[in-house]
C-alpha atoms as a PDB file:
ATOM      1  CA  MET A   1     114.193 120.607  76.577  1.00  0.00           C
ATOM      2  CA  THR A   2     113.798 119.325  73.478  1.00  0.00           C
ATOM      3  CA  PRO A   3     110.483 119.058  71.276  1.00  0.00           C
ATOM      4  CA  GLU A   4     110.581 115.610  71.132  1.00  0.00           C
ATOM      5  CA  LYS A   5     111.740 114.867  75.064  1.00  0.00           C
ATOM      6  CA  GLU A   6     108.397 116.901  75.840  1.00  0.00           C
ATOM      7  CA  LEU A   7     106.195 115.057  73.696  1.00  0.00           C
ATOM      8  CA  GLU A   8     107.414 111.435  74.897  1.00  0.00           C
ATOM      9  CA  TYR A   9     106.306 112.610  78.560  1.00  0.00           C
ATOM     10  CA  ARG A  10     103.145 114.130  77.360  1.00  0.00           C
ATOM     11  CA  ASN A  11     102.492 111.013  75.386  1.00  0.00           C
ATOM     12  CA  ALA A  12     103.278 108.423  78.022  1.00  0.00           C
ATOM     13  CA  LEU A  13     101.090 110.607  80.626  1.00  0.00           C
ATOM     14  CA  THR A  14      98.058 110.591  78.236  1.00  0.00           C
ATOM     15  CA  MET A  15      98.312 106.773  77.700  1.00  0.00           C
ATOM     16  CA  ILE A  16      99.102 106.277  81.406  1.00  0.00           C
ATOM     17  CA  VAL A  17      95.781 108.423  82.407  1.00  0.00           C
ATOM     18  CA  THR A  18      93.825 106.691  79.821  1.00  0.00           C
ATOM     19  CA  ALA A  19      93.846 103.535  80.848  1.00  0.00           C
ATOM     20  CA  GLY A  20      92.617 104.759  84.460  1.00  0.00           C
ATOM     21  CA  GLN A  21      89.903 106.441  82.750  1.00  0.00           C
ATOM     22  CA  VAL A  22      88.705 103.314  80.763  1.00  0.00           C
ATOM     23  CA  ILE A  23      88.734 100.955  83.866  1.00  0.00           C
ATOM     24  CA  LEU A  24      86.315 103.782  84.853  1.00  0.00           C
ATOM     25  CA  THR A  25      84.417 104.350  82.434  1.00  0.00           C
ATOM     26  CA  HIS A  26      83.793 100.464  82.594  1.00  0.00           C
ATOM     27  CA  GLY A  27      82.398 100.802  85.624  1.00  0.00           C
ATOM     28  CA  GLY A  28      85.650  99.400  87.743  1.00  0.00           C
ATOM     29  CA  SER A  29      86.926 101.146  90.948  1.00  0.00           C
ATOM     30  CA  ALA A  30      89.172 103.696  91.997  1.00  0.00           C
ATOM     31  CA  LEU A  31      91.059 101.381  93.906  1.00  0.00           C
ATOM     32  CA  ASP A  32      91.853  99.552  90.388  1.00  0.00           C
ATOM     33  CA  ALA A  33      92.027 102.966  88.425  1.00  0.00           C
ATOM     34  CA  VAL A  34      94.922 104.326  90.519  1.00  0.00           C
ATOM     35  CA  THR A  35      96.558 100.885  90.666  1.00  0.00           C
ATOM     36  CA  GLU A  36      97.075 100.390  87.065  1.00  0.00           C
ATOM     37  CA  ALA A  37      98.358 104.119  86.456  1.00  0.00           C
ATOM     38  CA  VAL A  38     101.063 103.596  89.092  1.00  0.00           C
ATOM     39  CA  ARG A  39     101.685 100.275  87.467  1.00  0.00           C
ATOM     40  CA  LEU A  40     102.194 101.659  84.121  1.00  0.00           C
ATOM     41  CA  LEU A  41     104.131 104.714  85.347  1.00  0.00           C
ATOM     42  CA  GLU A  42     106.307 101.713  87.343  1.00  0.00           C
ATOM     43  CA  GLU A  43     106.783 100.116  83.926  1.00  0.00           C
ATOM     44  CA  ASN A  44     108.094 103.299  82.571  1.00  0.00           C
ATOM     45  CA  PRO A  45     111.550 104.344  82.445  1.00  0.00           C
ATOM     46  CA  LEU A  46     110.931 107.855  82.285  1.00  0.00           C
ATOM     47  CA  PHE A  47     109.875 107.767  85.525  1.00  0.00           C
ATOM     48  CA  ASN A  48     111.209 107.469  89.361  1.00  0.00           C
ATOM     49  CA  ALA A  49     109.922 104.037  89.686  1.00  0.00           C
ATOM     50  CA  GLY A  50     110.075 100.448  89.205  1.00  0.00           C
ATOM     51  CA  LYS A  51     112.179 100.221  86.173  1.00  0.00           C
ATOM     52  CA  GLY A  52     114.150 103.712  85.718  1.00  0.00           C
ATOM     53  CA  ALA A  53     114.254 104.001  89.873  1.00  0.00           C
ATOM     54  CA  VAL A  54     117.114 106.129  90.943  1.00  0.00           C
ATOM     55  CA  PHE A  55     120.167 104.585  92.872  1.00  0.00           C
ATOM     56  CA  THR A  56     121.282 105.112  96.080  1.00  0.00           C
ATOM     57  CA  HIS A  57     124.702 106.409  97.312  1.00  0.00           C
ATOM     58  CA  ASN A  58     125.743 102.977  97.438  1.00  0.00           C
ATOM     59  CA  GLY A  59     124.381 102.759  93.863  1.00  0.00           C
ATOM     60  CA  THR A  60     121.483 100.013  94.339  1.00  0.00           C
ATOM     61  CA  ASN A  61     118.331 100.750  94.466  1.00  0.00           C
ATOM     62  CA  GLU A  62     115.646 101.000  96.527  1.00  0.00           C
ATOM     63  CA  LEU A  63     112.055 101.695  96.228  1.00  0.00           C
ATOM     64  CA  ASP A  64     108.742 102.335  98.487  1.00  0.00           C
ATOM     65  CA  ALA A  65     105.102 102.220  97.776  1.00  0.00           C
ATOM     66  CA  SER A  66     101.443 102.905  99.233  1.00  0.00           C
ATOM     67  CA  ILE A  67      98.108 102.248  98.536  1.00  0.00           C
ATOM     68  CA  MET A  68      94.931 103.405 100.092  1.00  0.00           C
ATOM     69  CA  ASP A  69      90.988 102.923  99.971  1.00  0.00           C
ATOM     70  CA  GLY A  70      88.754 105.720 101.171  1.00  0.00           C
ATOM     71  CA  ALA A  71      85.718 103.544 101.560  1.00  0.00           C
ATOM     72  CA  THR A  72      87.495 101.432 104.577  1.00  0.00           C
ATOM     73  CA  LEU A  73      90.180 103.859 105.265  1.00  0.00           C
ATOM     74  CA  ASN A  74      92.290 100.653 104.183  1.00  0.00           C
ATOM     75  CA  ALA A  75      95.977 100.853 103.468  1.00  0.00           C
ATOM     76  CA  GLY A  76      98.895  98.957 102.603  1.00  0.00           C
ATOM     77  CA  ALA A  77     102.758  99.838 101.851  1.00  0.00           C
ATOM     78  CA  ILE A  78     105.927  98.677 101.111  1.00  0.00           C
ATOM     79  CA  ALA A  79     109.770 100.436 101.431  1.00  0.00           C
ATOM     80  CA  GLY A  80     113.375  99.759 100.861  1.00  0.00           C
ATOM     81  CA  VAL A  81     112.700  97.001  98.224  1.00  0.00           C
ATOM     82  CA  SER A  82     115.300  95.636  95.754  1.00  0.00           C
ATOM     83  CA  HIS A  83     113.397  92.957  93.780  1.00  0.00           C
ATOM     84  CA  ILE A  84     109.973  93.561  93.283  1.00  0.00           C
ATOM     85  CA  ARG A  85     109.259  95.013  89.816  1.00  0.00           C
ATOM     86  CA  ASN A  86     105.685  96.334  90.833  1.00  0.00           C
ATOM     87  CA  PRO A  87     105.648  97.791  94.456  1.00  0.00           C
ATOM     88  CA  ILE A  88     102.201  99.324  94.039  1.00  0.00           C
ATOM     89  CA  LEU A  89     101.210  95.841  93.416  1.00  0.00           C
ATOM     90  CA  ALA A  90     103.059  94.840  96.420  1.00  0.00           C
ATOM     91  CA  ALA A  91     101.575  97.267  98.370  1.00  0.00           C
ATOM     92  CA  ARG A  92      97.659  96.511  97.146  1.00  0.00           C
ATOM     93  CA  ALA A  93      98.739  92.663  98.494  1.00  0.00           C
ATOM     94  CA  VAL A  94      99.626  93.776 101.742  1.00  0.00           C
ATOM     95  CA  MET A  95      96.675  95.913 102.355  1.00  0.00           C
ATOM     96  CA  GLU A  96      94.371  93.199 101.064  1.00  0.00           C
ATOM     97  CA  HIS A  97      95.790  90.070 102.273  1.00  0.00           C
ATOM     98  CA  SER A  98      97.857  91.147 105.643  1.00  0.00           C
ATOM     99  CA  ASN A  99      96.944  92.190 108.952  1.00  0.00           C
ATOM    100  CA  HIS A 100      99.829  94.976 108.692  1.00  0.00           C
ATOM    101  CA  VAL A 101     100.071  98.445 107.078  1.00  0.00           C
ATOM    102  CA  MET A 102     103.582  98.165 106.068  1.00  0.00           C
ATOM    103  CA  PHE A 103     106.256  95.694 105.184  1.00  0.00           C
ATOM    104  CA  ILE A 104     109.791  96.940 104.773  1.00  0.00           C
ATOM    105  CA  GLY A 105     113.257  95.337 102.888  1.00  0.00           C
ATOM    106  CA  GLU A 106     113.259  91.760 102.979  1.00  0.00           C
ATOM    107  CA  GLY A 107     110.296  91.300 105.070  1.00  0.00           C
ATOM    108  CA  ALA A 108     108.345  92.539 102.305  1.00  0.00           C
ATOM    109  CA  GLU A 109     109.692  90.626  99.359  1.00  0.00           C
ATOM    110  CA  THR A 110     109.427  88.034 101.499  1.00  0.00           C
ATOM    111  CA  PHE A 111     105.272  88.721 101.833  1.00  0.00           C
ATOM    112  CA  ALA A 112     105.398  89.258  98.210  1.00  0.00           C
ATOM    113  CA  ARG A 113     106.882  86.291  97.112  1.00  0.00           C
ATOM    114  CA  SER A 114     104.135  84.310  99.083  1.00  0.00           C
ATOM    115  CA  GLN A 115     101.557  86.679  96.684  1.00  0.00           C
ATOM    116  CA  ASN A 116     103.027  85.624  94.112  1.00  0.00           C
ATOM    117  CA  ILE A 117     104.130  89.172  92.861  1.00  0.00           C
ATOM    118  CA  GLU A 118     106.402  89.402  90.591  1.00  0.00           C
ATOM    119  CA  MET A 119     110.164  89.156  91.552  1.00  0.00           C
ATOM    120  CA  VAL A 120     113.163  90.737  89.422  1.00  0.00           C
ATOM    121  CA  GLU A 121     116.710  90.922  89.688  1.00  0.00           C
ATOM    122  CA  PRO A 122     118.267  94.518  91.050  1.00  0.00           C
ATOM    123  CA  ASP A 123     119.184  94.988  87.353  1.00  0.00           C
ATOM    124  CA  PHE A 124     115.854  95.077  85.879  1.00  0.00           C
ATOM    125  CA  TYR A 125     115.711  98.797  87.686  1.00  0.00           C
ATOM    126  CA  TYR A 126     118.845  99.883  85.387  1.00  0.00           C
ATOM    127  CA  THR A 127     118.431 102.950  82.818  1.00  0.00           C
ATOM    128  CA  ASP A 128     121.821 105.117  81.398  1.00  0.00           C
ATOM    129  CA  ALA A 129     119.988 108.188  82.082  1.00  0.00           C
ATOM    130  CA  ARG A 130     119.352 107.267  86.169  1.00  0.00           C
ATOM    131  CA  TYR A 131     123.376 105.696  86.573  1.00  0.00           C
ATOM    132  CA  GLU A 132     124.661 108.970  84.600  1.00  0.00           C
ATOM    133  CA  GLN A 133     122.493 110.734  87.186  1.00  0.00           C
ATOM    134  CA  LEU A 134     124.066 109.019  90.417  1.00  0.00           C
ATOM    135  CA  GLN A 135     127.746 110.315  88.914  1.00  0.00           C
ATOM    136  CA  ARG A 136     126.595 113.917  88.678  1.00  0.00           C
ATOM    137  CA  ALA A 137     125.400 113.507  92.171  1.00  0.00           C
ATOM    138  CA  LEU A 138     128.646 111.727  93.216  1.00  0.00           C
ATOM    139  CA  LEU A 139     130.335 114.604  91.213  1.00  0.00           C
ATOM    140  CA  ASP A 140     128.643 117.347  93.119  1.00  0.00           C
ATOM    141  CA  GLN A 141     128.523 115.119  96.398  1.00  0.00           C
ATOM    142  CA  GLY A 142     124.732 116.327  96.980  1.00  0.00           C
ATOM    143  CA  VAL A 143     121.387 114.640  97.259  1.00  0.00           C
ATOM    144  CA  MET A 144     119.326 115.130  94.228  1.00  0.00           C
ATOM    145  CA  LEU A 145     115.737 115.170  94.164  1.00  0.00           C
ATOM    146  CA  ASP A 146     114.595 113.849  91.146  1.00  0.00           C
ATOM    147  CA  HIS A 147     111.003 120.191  89.318  1.00  0.00           C
ATOM    148  CA  ASP A 148     113.479 122.930  89.787  1.00  0.00           C
ATOM    149  CA  ALA A 149     115.580 123.474  86.605  1.00  0.00           C
ATOM    150  CA  ALA A 150     119.344 124.026  87.137  1.00  0.00           C
ATOM    151  CA  SER A 151     121.581 125.263  84.077  1.00  0.00           C
ATOM    152  CA  LEU A 152     119.473 122.691  81.928  1.00  0.00           C
ATOM    153  CA  ALA A 153     122.560 122.699  79.075  1.00  0.00           C
ATOM    154  CA  VAL A 154     125.181 121.201  81.609  1.00  0.00           C
ATOM    155  CA  ARG A 155     122.905 118.894  83.922  1.00  0.00           C
ATOM    156  CA  ASN A 156     120.158 117.818  81.283  1.00  0.00           C
ATOM    157  CA  PRO A 157     121.688 116.217  78.284  1.00  0.00           C
ATOM    158  CA  GLN A 158     118.857 114.103  77.274  1.00  0.00           C
ATOM    159  CA  GLY A 159     116.570 117.299  77.513  1.00  0.00           C
ATOM    160  CA  ASP A 160     114.400 116.487  79.668  1.00  0.00           C
ATOM    161  CA  PRO A 161     110.988 119.240  80.262  1.00  0.00           C
ATOM    162  CA  ILE A 162     112.319 119.186  83.875  1.00  0.00           C
ATOM    163  CA  ASP A 163     115.803 118.515  85.127  1.00  0.00           C
ATOM    164  CA  PRO A 164     116.010 115.098  86.087  1.00  0.00           C
ATOM    165  CA  ASP A 165     118.578 115.986  88.915  1.00  0.00           C
ATOM    166  CA  LYS A 166     116.528 118.331  90.435  1.00  0.00           C
ATOM    167  CA  LYS A 167     112.355 117.312  89.828  1.00  0.00           C
ATOM    168  CA  PHE A 168     111.161 115.064  92.630  1.00  0.00           C
ATOM    169  CA  GLY A 169     110.785 111.448  91.329  1.00  0.00           C
ATOM    170  CA  THR A 170     107.399 110.192  92.934  1.00  0.00           C
ATOM    171  CA  VAL A 171     104.681 108.963  90.687  1.00  0.00           C
ATOM    172  CA  GLY A 172     100.900 108.697  92.068  1.00  0.00           C
ATOM    173  CA  ALA A 173      97.514 108.328  91.145  1.00  0.00           C
ATOM    174  CA  VAL A 174      94.131 109.579  92.477  1.00  0.00           C
ATOM    175  CA  ALA A 175      90.290 108.735  91.254  1.00  0.00           C
ATOM    176  CA  ILE A 176      87.099 108.500  92.134  1.00  0.00           C
ATOM    177  CA  ASP A 177      84.784 105.975  90.765  1.00  0.00           C
ATOM    178  CA  ASN A 178      80.777 105.837  90.162  1.00  0.00           C
ATOM    179  CA  ASP A 179      79.771 104.909  93.157  1.00  0.00           C
ATOM    180  CA  GLY A 180      81.391 108.152  94.737  1.00  0.00           C
ATOM    181  CA  ASN A 181      84.761 106.153  96.331  1.00  0.00           C
ATOM    182  CA  LEU A 182      88.319 107.364  96.298  1.00  0.00           C
ATOM    183  CA  ALA A 183      91.569 105.831  96.219  1.00  0.00           C
ATOM    184  CA  ALA A 184      95.161 106.654  95.991  1.00  0.00           C
ATOM    185  CA  ALA A 185      98.407 105.518  95.238  1.00  0.00           C
ATOM    186  CA  THR A 186     102.177 106.590  95.172  1.00  0.00           C
ATOM    187  CA  SER A 187     105.758 105.032  94.450  1.00  0.00           C
ATOM    188  CA  THR A 188     109.204 106.156  94.117  1.00  0.00           C
ATOM    189  CA  GLY A 189     112.592 104.957  93.841  1.00  0.00           C
ATOM    190  CA  GLY A 190     113.482 108.123  96.380  1.00  0.00           C
ATOM    191  CA  MET A 191     116.140 110.429  95.854  1.00  0.00           C
ATOM    192  CA  THR A 192     119.534 109.869  93.956  1.00  0.00           C
ATOM    193  CA  ASN A 193     122.377 109.358  95.726  1.00  0.00           C
ATOM    194  CA  LYS A 194     120.309 108.998  99.091  1.00  0.00           C
ATOM    195  CA  GLN A 195     121.976 107.286 102.175  1.00  0.00           C
ATOM    196  CA  ALA A 196     120.973 103.434 101.720  1.00  0.00           C
ATOM    197  CA  GLY A 197     118.454 102.255 104.230  1.00  0.00           C
ATOM    198  CA  ARG A 198     116.333 105.819 103.982  1.00  0.00           C
ATOM    199  CA  VAL A 199     112.793 106.141 103.550  1.00  0.00           C
ATOM    200  CA  GLY A 200     110.896 109.431 102.621  1.00  0.00           C
ATOM    201  CA  ASP A 201     106.983 110.301 102.592  1.00  0.00           C
ATOM    202  CA  SER A 202     105.791 108.287  99.707  1.00  0.00           C
ATOM    203  CA  PRO A 203     104.888 104.688 101.575  1.00  0.00           C
ATOM    204  CA  ILE A 204     104.056 107.131 104.881  1.00  0.00           C
ATOM    205  CA  ILE A 205     100.155 106.763 105.071  1.00  0.00           C
ATOM    206  CA  GLY A 206      99.004 110.621 105.613  1.00  0.00           C
ATOM    207  CA  ALA A 207     102.129 111.646 104.638  1.00  0.00           C
ATOM    208  CA  GLY A 208     102.573 110.949 100.814  1.00  0.00           C
ATOM    209  CA  CYS A 209      99.739 109.061 100.420  1.00  0.00           C
ATOM    210  CA  TYR A 210      95.747 109.733 102.213  1.00  0.00           C
ATOM    211  CA  ALA A 211      92.287 108.936 100.587  1.00  0.00           C
ATOM    212  CA  ASN A 212      89.102 109.270 102.744  1.00  0.00           C
ATOM    213  CA  ASN A 213      85.499 109.329 101.360  1.00  0.00           C
ATOM    214  CA  ARG A 214      84.299 111.970 103.632  1.00  0.00           C
ATOM    215  CA  THR A 215      87.004 114.328 102.012  1.00  0.00           C
ATOM    216  CA  VAL A 216      89.777 113.433  99.648  1.00  0.00           C
ATOM    217  CA  ALA A 217      92.489 111.501  97.678  1.00  0.00           C
ATOM    218  CA  VAL A 218      95.645 112.894  97.814  1.00  0.00           C
ATOM    219  CA  SER A 219      98.923 111.492  96.062  1.00  0.00           C
ATOM    220  CA  ALA A 220     102.236 114.213  97.460  1.00  0.00           C
ATOM    221  CA  THR A 221     105.912 114.151  95.470  1.00  0.00           C
ATOM    222  CA  GLY A 222     108.734 116.635  97.048  1.00  0.00           C
ATOM    223  CA  THR A 223     111.457 116.642  99.675  1.00  0.00           C
ATOM    224  CA  GLY A 224     109.931 114.089 101.481  1.00  0.00           C
ATOM    225  CA  GLU A 225     111.779 114.640 105.411  1.00  0.00           C
ATOM    226  CA  MET A 226     109.204 118.125 105.090  1.00  0.00           C
ATOM    227  CA  PHE A 227     105.906 115.666 103.681  1.00  0.00           C
ATOM    228  CA  MET A 228     106.534 114.006 106.521  1.00  0.00           C
ATOM    229  CA  ARG A 229     106.974 116.387 108.955  1.00  0.00           C
ATOM    230  CA  ALA A 230     103.765 118.601 107.951  1.00  0.00           C
ATOM    231  CA  VAL A 231     101.655 115.168 107.306  1.00  0.00           C
ATOM    232  CA  ALA A 232     101.194 117.113 104.241  1.00  0.00           C
ATOM    233  CA  ALA A 233      98.180 114.496 102.114  1.00  0.00           C
ATOM    234  CA  TYR A 234      96.526 114.604 105.700  1.00  0.00           C
ATOM    235  CA  ASP A 235      96.534 117.468 106.797  1.00  0.00           C
ATOM    236  CA  VAL A 236      95.105 118.433 103.112  1.00  0.00           C
ATOM    237  CA  SER A 237      92.107 116.393 104.145  1.00  0.00           C
ATOM    238  CA  ALA A 238      92.023 117.567 107.901  1.00  0.00           C
ATOM    239  CA  LEU A 239      91.763 121.459 106.304  1.00  0.00           C
ATOM    240  CA  MET A 240      88.863 120.309 104.377  1.00  0.00           C
ATOM    241  CA  GLU A 241      87.132 118.131 106.799  1.00  0.00           C
ATOM    242  CA  TYR A 242      87.615 120.349 110.352  1.00  0.00           C
ATOM    243  CA  ALA A 243      88.271 123.704 108.708  1.00  0.00           C
ATOM    244  CA  GLY A 244      85.911 123.402 105.842  1.00  0.00           C
ATOM    245  CA  LEU A 245      87.695 124.922 103.557  1.00  0.00           C
ATOM    246  CA  SER A 246      87.439 123.460  99.994  1.00  0.00           C
ATOM    247  CA  LEU A 247      90.012 120.984  97.911  1.00  0.00           C
ATOM    248  CA  GLU A 248      91.669 124.448  96.026  1.00  0.00           C
ATOM    249  CA  GLU A 249      91.925 126.148  99.572  1.00  0.00           C
ATOM    250  CA  ALA A 250      93.130 123.152 101.580  1.00  0.00           C
ATOM    251  CA  ALA A 251      95.566 121.801  98.835  1.00  0.00           C
ATOM    252  CA  ASN A 252      97.122 125.277  98.461  1.00  0.00           C
ATOM    253  CA  ARG A 253      97.409 126.107 101.944  1.00  0.00           C
ATOM    254  CA  VAL A 254      99.550 123.252 102.515  1.00  0.00           C
ATOM    255  CA  VAL A 255     101.946 123.439  99.182  1.00  0.00           C
ATOM    256  CA  MET A 256     102.062 127.122  98.886  1.00  0.00           C
ATOM    257  CA  GLU A 257     102.329 128.244 102.619  1.00  0.00           C
ATOM    258  CA  LYS A 258     102.869 125.123 105.435  1.00  0.00           C
ATOM    259  CA  LEU A 259     105.509 123.524 103.129  1.00  0.00           C
ATOM    260  CA  PRO A 260     107.392 126.519 102.327  1.00  0.00           C
ATOM    261  CA  ALA A 261     107.430 127.398 105.887  1.00  0.00           C
ATOM    262  CA  ILE A 262     109.904 124.681 106.097  1.00  0.00           C
ATOM    263  CA  ASP A 263     111.529 124.431 103.633  1.00  0.00           C
ATOM    264  CA  GLY A 264     109.125 122.403 101.673  1.00  0.00           C
ATOM    265  CA  ARG A 265     109.432 121.775  97.893  1.00  0.00           C
ATOM    266  CA  GLY A 266     107.123 119.940  95.579  1.00  0.00           C
ATOM    267  CA  GLY A 267     103.484 119.276  94.795  1.00  0.00           C
ATOM    268  CA  LEU A 268     100.378 116.655  95.142  1.00  0.00           C
ATOM    269  CA  ILE A 269      97.312 115.767  93.193  1.00  0.00           C
ATOM    270  CA  ALA A 270      94.326 115.507  94.485  1.00  0.00           C
ATOM    271  CA  VAL A 271      90.412 114.956  93.965  1.00  0.00           C
ATOM    272  CA  ASP A 272      87.525 115.161  96.620  1.00  0.00           C
ATOM    273  CA  SER A 273      84.214 113.648  97.343  1.00  0.00           C
ATOM    274  CA  GLN A 274      82.876 115.834  94.612  1.00  0.00           C
ATOM    275  CA  GLY A 275      84.969 115.316  91.908  1.00  0.00           C
ATOM    276  CA  ASN A 276      87.032 118.389  92.420  1.00  0.00           C
ATOM    277  CA  VAL A 277      90.429 118.194  91.292  1.00  0.00           C
ATOM    278  CA  ALA A 278      93.688 120.420  92.982  1.00  0.00           C
ATOM    279  CA  LEU A 279      97.560 119.975  91.454  1.00  0.00           C
ATOM    280  CA  PRO A 280      99.375 122.695  93.290  1.00  0.00           C
ATOM    281  CA  PHE A 281     102.994 122.668  93.349  1.00  0.00           C
ATOM    282  CA  ASN A 282     105.445 125.464  94.192  1.00  0.00           C
ATOM    283  CA  SER A 283     108.396 124.363  92.084  1.00  0.00           C
ATOM    284  CA  GLU A 284     109.748 124.587  88.524  1.00  0.00           C
ATOM    285  CA  GLY A 285     106.989 121.862  87.333  1.00  0.00           C
ATOM    286  CA  MET A 286     104.875 118.814  87.604  1.00  0.00           C
ATOM    287  CA  TYR A 287     104.240 116.192  85.277  1.00  0.00           C
ATOM    288  CA  ARG A 288     100.319 115.308  85.567  1.00  0.00           C
ATOM    289  CA  GLY A 289      97.329 114.361  83.628  1.00  0.00           C
ATOM    290  CA  VAL A 290      93.424 114.497  84.589  1.00  0.00           C
ATOM    291  CA  GLY A 291      91.209 111.648  83.100  1.00  0.00           C
ATOM    292  CA  ARG A 292      87.536 112.332  83.111  1.00  0.00           C
ATOM    293  CA  VAL A 293      85.012 109.589  81.635  1.00  0.00           C
ATOM    294  CA  GLY A 294      83.771 111.176  78.355  1.00  0.00           C
ATOM    295  CA  GLN A 295      85.936 113.706  78.268  1.00  0.00           C
ATOM    296  CA  PRO A 296      89.814 114.542  76.542  1.00  0.00           C
ATOM    297  CA  VAL A 297      92.387 113.638  78.417  1.00  0.00           C
ATOM    298  CA  GLU A 298      94.554 116.723  79.781  1.00  0.00           C
ATOM    299  CA  VAL A 299      98.635 116.309  80.184  1.00  0.00           C
ATOM    300  CA  ASP A 300     101.123 118.997  81.369  1.00  0.00           C
ATOM    301  CA  ILE A 301     104.202 120.033  82.886  1.00  0.00           C
ATOM    302  CA  TYR A 302     104.366 123.748  84.003  1.00  0.00           C
ATOM    303  CA  ARG A 303     101.905 126.075  85.104  1.00  0.00           C
END
């Protein structure tokens, strides 16, 4: 890790969280706040979503995103797209302008065009850092999860705070607004060297994204297959609603007990209906930030 690179991540997180905070400060909705935060994360090549998305084994980019409105339980998701600049905008369009919850691949892109969502050529997502990451993965013949460090001097030539070859590359945002409405949004480029066509938890409602005004809004990052098997995001809500656990208790139960039991690594961000926040992770670190109206933004990387 270099101090310069850590500062770059911290500044980016502060700017993005502040953007969501401003929306809420001016009476904007939780949906608008999470949409804009995730859109900005997709625009920043430091993060594995949109510009700077990781490569599949075939050297292509396949992006996924989802969004959920806690007030209505409406949700939208897209998966396996390669021409949409901001997948989160397409996911929101699915939620608001279709009778469906999820579109995939070419169908998702056709729908996005019909909604005037900005399209790009696949080379838009390219960065040298992601391409080099793929080459290392191909050399190792492994799938790299874009928070657990390994031999940083060799594997992390850019000096990122968390080894990019071992961190989970999902971005997300959760919010509660002045009306008490919750929302969650999640977006990702997936895993470096993943098999083409693979879809993880990020666009799966209840696995990588969930929001319900009765309980909590959750966005997850980690080993997607395990988060799907554990229905991790919804499980936090269920533990709160049916078992009476607090947000902290429920989130820790899922991230620190239930996921590790099936070799699930990663973490989640969550805010409950009372405005309590939880950001647990069972990995080396997790880029994260919190912004409350009228208070300074807090960002962190490690525990």
